[in-house]
Amino acid sequence: MCAVPAAAVALERVQSGAHYPSDVTAGAVIGLAAAWLTRRVPRLLLHYWP
């Protein structure tokens, strides 16, 4: 849902010279990991918590 605007902002930041492509890639990886953890950890805690 937010992927299209986020990708547009990322491309604009690289094009304007505000960030290097590696900065944008690292930010995307961190964001995706945070989203995955946000969705996955509560389910794991409910499943394995005594």
C-alpha atoms as a PDB file:
ATOM      1  CA  MET A   1       0.000   0.000   0.000  1.00  0.00           C
ATOM      2  CA  CYS A   2       2.825   2.413   0.845  1.00  0.00           C
ATOM      3  CA  ALA A   3       5.330   0.846  -1.528  1.00  0.00           C
ATOM      4  CA  VAL A   4       4.626   3.071  -4.534  1.00  0.00           C
ATOM      5  CA  PRO A   5       4.992   6.417  -2.712  1.00  0.00           C
ATOM      6  CA  ALA A   6       8.022   5.110  -0.792  1.00  0.00           C
ATOM      7  CA  ALA A   7       9.707   4.013  -4.025  1.00  0.00           C
ATOM      8  CA  ALA A   8       8.961   7.384  -5.624  1.00  0.00           C
ATOM      9  CA  VAL A   9      10.503   9.249  -2.684  1.00  0.00           C
ATOM     10  CA  ALA A  10      13.510   6.918  -2.688  1.00  0.00           C
ATOM     11  CA  LEU A  11      14.149   7.499  -6.385  1.00  0.00           C
ATOM     12  CA  GLU A  12      13.741  11.257  -5.949  1.00  0.00           C
ATOM     13  CA  ARG A  13      16.221  11.300  -3.056  1.00  0.00           C
ATOM     14  CA  VAL A  14      18.823   9.466  -5.147  1.00  0.00           C
ATOM     15  CA  GLN A  15      18.173  11.608  -8.216  1.00  0.00           C
ATOM     16  CA  SER A  16      18.474  14.857  -6.251  1.00  0.00           C
ATOM     17  CA  GLY A  17      21.769  13.705  -4.741  1.00  0.00           C
ATOM     18  CA  ALA A  18      20.494  13.720  -1.167  1.00  0.00           C
ATOM     19  CA  HIS A  19      21.316  10.026  -0.726  1.00  0.00           C
ATOM     20  CA  TYR A  20      23.439   7.346  -2.335  1.00  0.00           C
ATOM     21  CA  PRO A  21      21.662   4.286  -3.765  1.00  0.00           C
ATOM     22  CA  SER A  22      23.223   2.189  -0.990  1.00  0.00           C
ATOM     23  CA  ASP A  23      21.585   4.460   1.614  1.00  0.00           C
ATOM     24  CA  VAL A  24      18.184   3.928   0.042  1.00  0.00           C
ATOM     25  CA  THR A  25      18.750   0.179  -0.249  1.00  0.00           C
ATOM     26  CA  ALA A  26      19.809  -0.088   3.391  1.00  0.00           C
ATOM     27  CA  GLY A  27      16.757   1.908   4.464  1.00  0.00           C
ATOM     28  CA  ALA A  28      14.481  -0.350   2.446  1.00  0.00           C
ATOM     29  CA  VAL A  29      16.019  -3.474   3.981  1.00  0.00           C
ATOM     30  CA  ILE A  30      15.644  -2.063   7.493  1.00  0.00           C
ATOM     31  CA  GLY A  31      12.050  -1.043   6.787  1.00  0.00           C
ATOM     32  CA  LEU A  32      11.132  -4.437   5.369  1.00  0.00           C
ATOM     33  CA  ALA A  33      12.746  -6.208   8.325  1.00  0.00           C
ATOM     34  CA  ALA A  34      10.854  -4.000  10.769  1.00  0.00           C
ATOM     35  CA  ALA A  35       7.565  -4.676   8.976  1.00  0.00           C
ATOM     36  CA  TRP A  36       8.221  -8.417   8.967  1.00  0.00           C
ATOM     37  CA  LEU A  37       9.082  -8.426  12.672  1.00  0.00           C
ATOM     38  CA  THR A  38       6.036  -6.315  13.515  1.00  0.00           C
ATOM     39  CA  ARG A  39       3.771  -8.862  11.855  1.00  0.00           C
ATOM     40  CA  ARG A  40       5.606 -12.027  12.883  1.00  0.00           C
ATOM     41  CA  VAL A  41       6.789 -11.557  16.479  1.00  0.00           C
ATOM     42  CA  PRO A  42       3.357 -11.267  18.157  1.00  0.00           C
ATOM     43  CA  ARG A  43       2.237 -14.483  16.454  1.00  0.00           C
ATOM     44  CA  LEU A  44       5.389 -16.287  17.578  1.00  0.00           C
ATOM     45  CA  LEU A  45       5.015 -15.006  21.123  1.00  0.00           C
ATOM     46  CA  LEU A  46       1.396 -16.183  21.332  1.00  0.00           C
ATOM     47  CA  HIS A  47       2.315 -19.564  19.895  1.00  0.00           C
ATOM     48  CA  TYR A  48       5.388 -20.315  22.020  1.00  0.00           C
ATOM     49  CA  TRP A  49       4.753 -18.311  25.198  1.00  0.00           C
ATOM     50  CA  PRO A  50       3.832 -20.642  28.091  1.00  0.00           C
END
